[in-house]
Amino acid sequence: MQKKTLYDVVILGSGPAGLQAAIHASRKKVSVLVLGRQSKSSLFHAHVENFCCVCKVSGEEILHSGRQQAQEFGAEFLEEDVLQINPAGQFFEIKVESGNAVQSKALIIATGTARKKLGVAGEKTLLGKGVSYCVECDANFYKGEDVAIIGGESAAADGALTLTQYAKTVHLVSEKLQVVDALKEELQKSDVTIHEGFKVKEIVGDNQVQEIVLDNGTRIPVSGAFIELGAKGVMELALSLNVALDDEMKFIQTNKKFETNVPGIFAAGDVCGPPWQMAKAVGEGCVAGIGAANYAKKLKLVE
């Protein structure tokens, strides 16, 4: 456990938004603690080619470098998940999985969103080796190849249409298509092969996706399997703090300074909504980190 029990800024999440927030907050000469495991970041298994000034680098490398930068500026890291957050006077008390707790003057929620999983064989072991949860991020890696997208709502349908601009063939596997008529018609007019009424039973491959197996025994050769089941709602942590969410109760609402409706609580990255891009997360983390540091400094003046 960290030596300190009170920090100026505690950041929930050590992905690109959290790391950038940590770098900027630390440079403002306030104490910063970053909570969370980097291996849980959606960037960890990604390959980055669309971030300005960075070419063909792995997400894991970027996260490692970002952590080193933040540490050089004084940020501390604790690889534990948060279990509970409670107001503690003008501070926030954060309880972590070890049972210990720290307090913070300002809080930045940068946890990302947990993508819904299929829960089938091969999904976990082939993540980053053909299994992806982001069409927008990874479509370009599958130019001229055969791919499948799994899901039945608008995000999956739109993803399938996007993939037709890159892949040779696109298979959409859906237990039940639940999209508006206009989108369904667009799908039917496209080159997407629709497999409706089936589930994916298994994703097969040695060190790369080679095929998906449907529950009727059909085997579809593909080199990419995109899972688009939508994103889970923002953690209950936000609701427990009365942080306002959007109308669909999926994402945290912020202003242009990435302040939430609760004084002292900021948010950045995927928790604030799409697009699921590192560039967006980094920019928001920068603004939130500076804002949180300034908030903590002002709080010092009135203590």
Protein backbone atom coordinates (compact mmCIF):
# COMPACT_ATOMS: atom_id res chain seq x y z
CA MET A 1 0.00 0.00 0.00
CA GLN A 2 1.13 3.56 -0.64
CA LYS A 3 2.75 5.51 2.22
CA LYS A 4 0.36 8.43 1.84
CA THR A 5 -3.28 8.23 2.83
CA LEU A 6 -4.29 11.63 1.43
CA TYR A 7 -3.62 12.66 -2.16
CA ASP A 8 -4.46 15.81 -4.05
CA VAL A 9 -5.69 13.83 -7.07
CA VAL A 10 -6.66 10.17 -7.36
CA ILE A 11 -7.21 8.80 -10.86
CA LEU A 12 -9.35 5.73 -11.43
CA GLY A 13 -7.95 3.94 -14.48
CA SER A 14 -4.46 3.61 -15.94
CA GLY A 15 -5.32 3.63 -19.64
CA PRO A 16 -4.45 6.54 -21.99
CA ALA A 17 -6.92 8.99 -20.40
CA GLY A 18 -5.75 8.20 -16.88
CA LEU A 19 -2.06 8.32 -17.78
CA GLN A 20 -2.33 11.66 -19.56
CA ALA A 21 -4.30 13.05 -16.62
CA ALA A 22 -1.57 11.79 -14.28
CA ILE A 23 1.19 13.42 -16.35
CA HIS A 24 -0.48 16.82 -16.43
CA ALA A 25 -1.68 16.77 -12.82
CA SER A 26 1.78 15.75 -11.56
CA ARG A 27 3.43 18.53 -13.54
CA LYS A 28 1.23 20.97 -11.60
CA LYS A 29 3.15 19.82 -8.48
CA VAL A 30 0.30 18.05 -6.71
CA SER A 31 0.34 14.52 -5.29
CA VAL A 32 -1.22 11.97 -7.65
CA LEU A 33 -2.22 8.34 -7.24
CA VAL A 34 -3.33 6.21 -10.20
CA LEU A 35 -5.44 3.14 -9.42
CA GLY A 36 -6.08 0.16 -11.69
CA ARG A 37 -4.36 -2.53 -13.75
CA GLN A 38 -3.06 -1.52 -17.16
CA SER A 39 -3.71 -5.01 -18.51
CA LYS A 40 -7.43 -4.23 -18.24
CA SER A 41 -7.15 -1.23 -20.56
CA SER A 42 -8.69 -1.83 -23.99
CA LEU A 43 -5.48 -0.32 -25.40
CA PHE A 44 -3.32 -3.05 -23.85
CA HIS A 45 -4.00 -5.58 -26.63
CA ALA A 46 -4.35 -3.03 -29.43
CA HIS A 47 -2.02 -2.09 -32.28
CA VAL A 48 -1.84 1.64 -32.85
CA GLU A 49 -1.43 3.23 -36.27
CA ASN A 50 -3.84 6.19 -36.24
CA PHE A 51 -2.42 8.28 -33.40
CA CYS A 52 -0.58 11.40 -34.52
CA CYS A 53 3.22 11.09 -34.60
CA VAL A 54 3.20 7.43 -33.49
CA CYS A 55 3.57 4.66 -36.07
CA LYS A 56 3.02 0.93 -35.67
CA VAL A 57 3.46 0.56 -31.94
CA SER A 58 1.65 -1.77 -29.57
CA GLY A 59 -0.81 -0.48 -27.00
CA GLU A 60 1.18 -2.24 -24.28
CA GLU A 61 4.30 -0.25 -25.22
CA ILE A 62 2.38 3.03 -25.14
CA LEU A 63 0.92 2.25 -21.71
CA HIS A 64 4.35 1.30 -20.35
CA SER A 65 5.91 4.52 -21.64
CA GLY A 66 3.04 6.62 -20.30
CA ARG A 67 3.40 5.12 -16.86
CA GLN A 68 7.13 5.83 -16.84
CA GLN A 69 6.48 9.44 -17.83
CA ALA A 70 3.89 9.91 -15.10
CA GLN A 71 6.19 8.36 -12.49
CA GLU A 72 9.05 10.65 -13.52
CA PHE A 73 6.80 13.61 -12.72
CA GLY A 74 5.93 12.13 -9.32
CA ALA A 75 2.73 10.13 -9.85
CA GLU A 76 2.31 6.95 -7.83
CA PHE A 77 0.59 3.78 -9.06
CA LEU A 78 -1.37 1.10 -7.26
CA GLU A 79 -2.56 -1.88 -9.31
CA GLU A 80 -5.77 -2.52 -7.42
CA ASP A 81 -9.42 -2.13 -8.37
CA VAL A 82 -11.68 0.30 -6.56
CA LEU A 83 -14.47 -1.24 -4.52
CA GLN A 84 -16.15 1.80 -3.05
CA ILE A 85 -15.99 5.60 -2.99
CA ASN A 86 -17.62 7.74 -0.33
CA PRO A 87 -17.65 11.48 0.36
CA ALA A 88 -15.52 12.27 3.43
CA GLY A 89 -16.14 15.90 4.29
CA GLN A 90 -14.53 17.93 1.52
CA PHE A 91 -12.52 14.87 0.42
CA PHE A 92 -13.34 11.50 -1.14
CA GLU A 93 -12.50 8.18 0.50
CA ILE A 94 -11.57 5.40 -1.93
CA LYS A 95 -11.57 1.80 -0.75
CA VAL A 96 -9.53 -0.65 -2.83
CA GLU A 97 -9.69 -4.43 -3.13
CA SER A 98 -6.96 -5.05 -0.53
CA GLY A 99 -9.28 -3.46 2.04
CA ASN A 100 -7.14 -0.36 2.43
CA ALA A 101 -8.39 3.15 1.75
CA VAL A 102 -6.98 6.49 0.61
CA GLN A 103 -8.46 9.96 0.53
CA SER A 104 -8.39 12.46 -2.28
CA LYS A 105 -9.21 16.12 -2.78
CA ALA A 106 -10.07 15.61 -6.44
CA LEU A 107 -11.09 12.52 -8.36
CA ILE A 108 -10.78 11.65 -12.05
CA ILE A 109 -12.86 8.77 -13.41
CA ALA A 110 -11.01 7.33 -16.41
CA THR A 111 -11.92 3.67 -16.10
CA GLY A 112 -12.94 3.14 -19.72
CA THR A 113 -15.93 0.96 -20.46
CA ALA A 114 -16.05 -2.78 -20.05
CA ARG A 115 -16.92 -4.30 -23.40
CA LYS A 116 -19.45 -7.12 -23.25
CA LYS A 117 -17.91 -10.49 -23.92
CA LEU A 118 -19.28 -13.47 -25.82
CA GLY A 119 -17.90 -15.89 -23.27
CA VAL A 120 -16.87 -18.52 -25.83
CA ALA A 121 -13.74 -20.60 -26.29
CA GLY A 122 -10.95 -18.76 -28.07
CA GLU A 123 -12.28 -15.27 -27.32
CA LYS A 124 -9.81 -14.49 -24.54
CA THR A 125 -6.75 -16.31 -25.89
CA LEU A 126 -7.07 -14.74 -29.35
CA LEU A 127 -7.68 -11.18 -28.14
CA GLY A 128 -5.38 -8.95 -30.15
CA LYS A 129 -4.73 -11.87 -32.52
CA GLY A 130 -7.85 -11.44 -34.60
CA VAL A 131 -10.41 -10.91 -31.85
CA SER A 132 -11.35 -7.24 -31.52
CA TYR A 133 -14.03 -5.17 -29.78
CA CYS A 134 -13.56 -2.05 -31.92
CA VAL A 135 -14.26 -1.90 -35.65
CA GLU A 136 -13.29 1.74 -35.80
CA CYS A 137 -9.91 0.97 -34.24
CA ASP A 138 -8.92 -2.18 -36.11
CA ALA A 139 -10.75 -2.36 -39.46
CA ASN A 140 -7.70 -1.15 -41.36
CA PHE A 141 -5.73 -4.23 -40.30
CA TYR A 142 -8.06 -6.48 -42.31
CA LYS A 143 -7.79 -5.04 -45.80
CA GLY A 144 -8.60 -7.75 -48.34
CA GLU A 145 -9.28 -10.38 -45.68
CA ASP A 146 -12.33 -12.35 -44.50
CA VAL A 147 -13.88 -11.14 -41.25
CA ALA A 148 -16.92 -11.67 -39.06
CA ILE A 149 -18.76 -9.30 -36.79
CA ILE A 150 -20.90 -10.69 -34.00
CA GLY A 151 -23.88 -8.79 -32.62
CA GLY A 152 -27.45 -7.89 -33.39
CA GLU A 153 -27.96 -4.20 -32.74
CA SER A 154 -27.17 -0.98 -34.58
CA ALA A 155 -23.50 -0.89 -33.51
CA ALA A 156 -22.89 -4.33 -35.07
CA ALA A 157 -24.81 -3.47 -38.25
CA ASP A 158 -22.95 -0.20 -38.68
CA GLY A 159 -19.67 -1.97 -37.97
CA ALA A 160 -20.41 -4.57 -40.63
CA LEU A 161 -21.05 -1.85 -43.22
CA THR A 162 -17.81 -0.13 -42.24
CA LEU A 163 -15.87 -3.38 -42.63
CA THR A 164 -17.08 -3.78 -46.23
CA GLN A 165 -14.84 -0.82 -47.07
CA TYR A 166 -11.80 -2.80 -45.96
CA ALA A 167 -12.36 -6.56 -45.92
CA LYS A 168 -12.83 -8.94 -48.84
CA THR A 169 -15.84 -10.61 -47.22
CA VAL A 170 -17.87 -9.64 -44.14
CA HIS A 171 -20.08 -12.05 -42.18
CA LEU A 172 -22.59 -10.70 -39.66
CA VAL A 173 -23.64 -13.30 -37.11
CA SER A 174 -26.68 -12.40 -35.06
CA GLU A 175 -29.06 -14.37 -32.92
CA LYS A 176 -31.64 -11.73 -33.78
CA LEU A 177 -31.17 -8.53 -35.77
CA GLN A 178 -32.70 -5.63 -33.87
CA VAL A 179 -32.10 -2.60 -36.06
CA VAL A 180 -34.30 0.03 -37.67
CA ASP A 181 -35.73 -0.84 -41.09
CA ALA A 182 -33.52 1.64 -42.95
CA LEU A 183 -30.34 0.11 -41.52
CA LYS A 184 -31.56 -3.42 -42.16
CA GLU A 185 -32.33 -2.51 -45.76
CA GLU A 186 -28.86 -1.00 -46.15
CA LEU A 187 -27.37 -4.23 -44.81
CA GLN A 188 -29.37 -6.34 -47.22
CA LYS A 189 -28.24 -4.22 -50.17
CA SER A 190 -24.61 -4.43 -49.10
CA ASP A 191 -22.07 -7.22 -49.58
CA VAL A 192 -22.48 -8.34 -45.95
CA THR A 193 -23.41 -12.01 -45.56
CA ILE A 194 -25.96 -12.21 -42.76
CA HIS A 195 -26.25 -15.29 -40.55
CA GLU A 196 -29.35 -14.56 -38.48
CA GLY A 197 -30.70 -16.95 -35.88
CA PHE A 198 -27.32 -18.36 -34.87
CA LYS A 199 -24.84 -18.02 -32.05
CA VAL A 200 -21.07 -18.22 -32.22
CA LYS A 201 -20.01 -21.31 -30.31
CA GLU A 202 -16.24 -21.01 -30.65
CA ILE A 203 -13.47 -18.88 -32.14
CA VAL A 204 -10.72 -21.09 -33.53
CA GLY A 205 -7.05 -20.38 -34.19
CA ASP A 206 -3.53 -21.19 -33.07
CA ASN A 207 -1.80 -17.84 -32.81
CA GLN A 208 -4.31 -16.03 -35.06
CA VAL A 209 -8.06 -16.32 -35.65
CA GLN A 210 -8.71 -18.86 -38.40
CA GLU A 211 -12.46 -19.49 -38.20
CA ILE A 212 -15.61 -19.12 -36.14
CA VAL A 213 -17.93 -22.02 -35.37
CA LEU A 214 -21.68 -21.47 -35.19
CA ASP A 215 -24.03 -23.42 -32.94
CA ASN A 216 -25.39 -25.34 -35.94
CA GLY A 217 -21.89 -26.63 -36.73
CA THR A 218 -21.19 -24.22 -39.59
CA ARG A 219 -17.53 -23.19 -39.75
CA ILE A 220 -16.74 -19.81 -41.32
CA PRO A 221 -13.09 -19.16 -42.23
CA VAL A 222 -12.09 -15.65 -41.09
CA SER A 223 -8.93 -13.92 -39.92
CA GLY A 224 -10.78 -11.35 -37.81
CA ALA A 225 -13.69 -11.67 -35.37
CA PHE A 226 -15.19 -8.37 -34.20
CA ILE A 227 -17.42 -8.61 -31.14
CA GLU A 228 -19.88 -5.74 -30.99
CA LEU A 229 -22.40 -6.37 -28.24
CA GLY A 230 -22.38 -2.79 -27.00
CA ALA A 231 -20.69 -1.42 -23.90
CA LYS A 232 -21.82 -1.97 -20.33
CA GLY A 233 -23.10 0.98 -18.36
CA VAL A 234 -20.76 3.22 -16.41
CA MET A 235 -19.72 1.72 -13.10
CA GLU A 236 -22.03 1.94 -10.15
CA LEU A 237 -19.29 4.02 -8.54
CA ALA A 238 -20.41 7.06 -10.53
CA LEU A 239 -24.04 6.62 -9.52
CA SER A 240 -23.11 6.14 -5.87
CA LEU A 241 -21.51 9.59 -5.97
CA ASN A 242 -24.54 11.14 -7.69
CA VAL A 243 -22.51 11.83 -10.82
CA ALA A 244 -24.90 12.64 -13.67
CA LEU A 245 -25.08 10.25 -16.62
CA ASP A 246 -26.52 10.80 -20.09
CA ASP A 247 -30.14 10.08 -20.99
CA GLU A 248 -29.37 6.43 -21.79
CA MET A 249 -27.49 5.99 -18.50
CA LYS A 250 -24.38 4.83 -20.34
CA PHE A 251 -21.85 7.63 -20.11
CA ILE A 252 -20.78 10.34 -17.67
CA GLN A 253 -21.84 13.90 -18.49
CA THR A 254 -19.13 16.57 -18.34
CA ASN A 255 -18.60 20.15 -19.40
CA LYS A 256 -15.75 21.34 -21.63
CA LYS A 257 -13.38 21.23 -18.65
CA PHE A 258 -14.39 17.59 -18.09
CA GLU A 259 -15.90 18.47 -14.75
CA THR A 260 -18.93 16.42 -13.71
CA ASN A 261 -21.89 17.86 -11.85
CA VAL A 262 -20.18 16.93 -8.55
CA PRO A 263 -17.49 19.43 -7.43
CA GLY A 264 -14.08 17.80 -7.38
CA ILE A 265 -15.02 14.91 -9.69
CA PHE A 266 -13.77 14.89 -13.27
CA ALA A 267 -14.09 12.27 -16.03
CA ALA A 268 -12.18 11.50 -19.22
CA GLY A 269 -11.93 8.90 -21.97
CA ASP A 270 -14.38 6.17 -22.92
CA VAL A 271 -16.53 6.78 -19.83
CA CYS A 272 -17.56 10.05 -21.49
CA GLY A 273 -18.74 8.31 -24.67
CA PRO A 274 -17.51 7.47 -28.17
CA PRO A 275 -15.52 7.53 -30.37
CA TRP A 276 -13.34 4.83 -28.80
CA GLN A 277 -10.07 6.42 -29.84
CA MET A 278 -6.82 6.99 -27.96
CA ALA A 279 -6.55 10.51 -29.37
CA LYS A 280 -9.84 11.50 -27.76
CA ALA A 281 -8.93 9.84 -24.45
CA VAL A 282 -5.53 11.54 -24.27
CA GLY A 283 -6.97 14.99 -25.00
CA GLU A 284 -9.68 14.63 -22.39
CA GLY A 285 -7.20 13.26 -19.86
CA CYS A 286 -5.01 16.31 -20.37
CA VAL A 287 -7.85 18.73 -19.66
CA ALA A 288 -9.18 16.72 -16.70
CA GLY A 289 -5.71 16.37 -15.16
CA ILE A 290 -5.05 20.10 -15.26
CA GLY A 291 -8.53 20.86 -13.92
CA ALA A 292 -8.28 18.38 -11.06
CA ALA A 293 -4.87 19.70 -10.02
CA ASN A 294 -6.13 23.29 -10.02
CA TYR A 295 -9.17 22.23 -7.97
CA ALA A 296 -6.96 20.52 -5.39
CA LYS A 297 -4.70 23.58 -5.15
CA LYS A 298 -7.65 25.86 -4.49
CA LEU A 299 -8.88 23.48 -1.82
CA LYS A 300 -5.50 23.78 -0.08
CA LEU A 301 -5.95 27.53 0.19
CA VAL A 302 -9.21 27.21 2.14
CA GLU A 303 -8.16 24.37 4.45
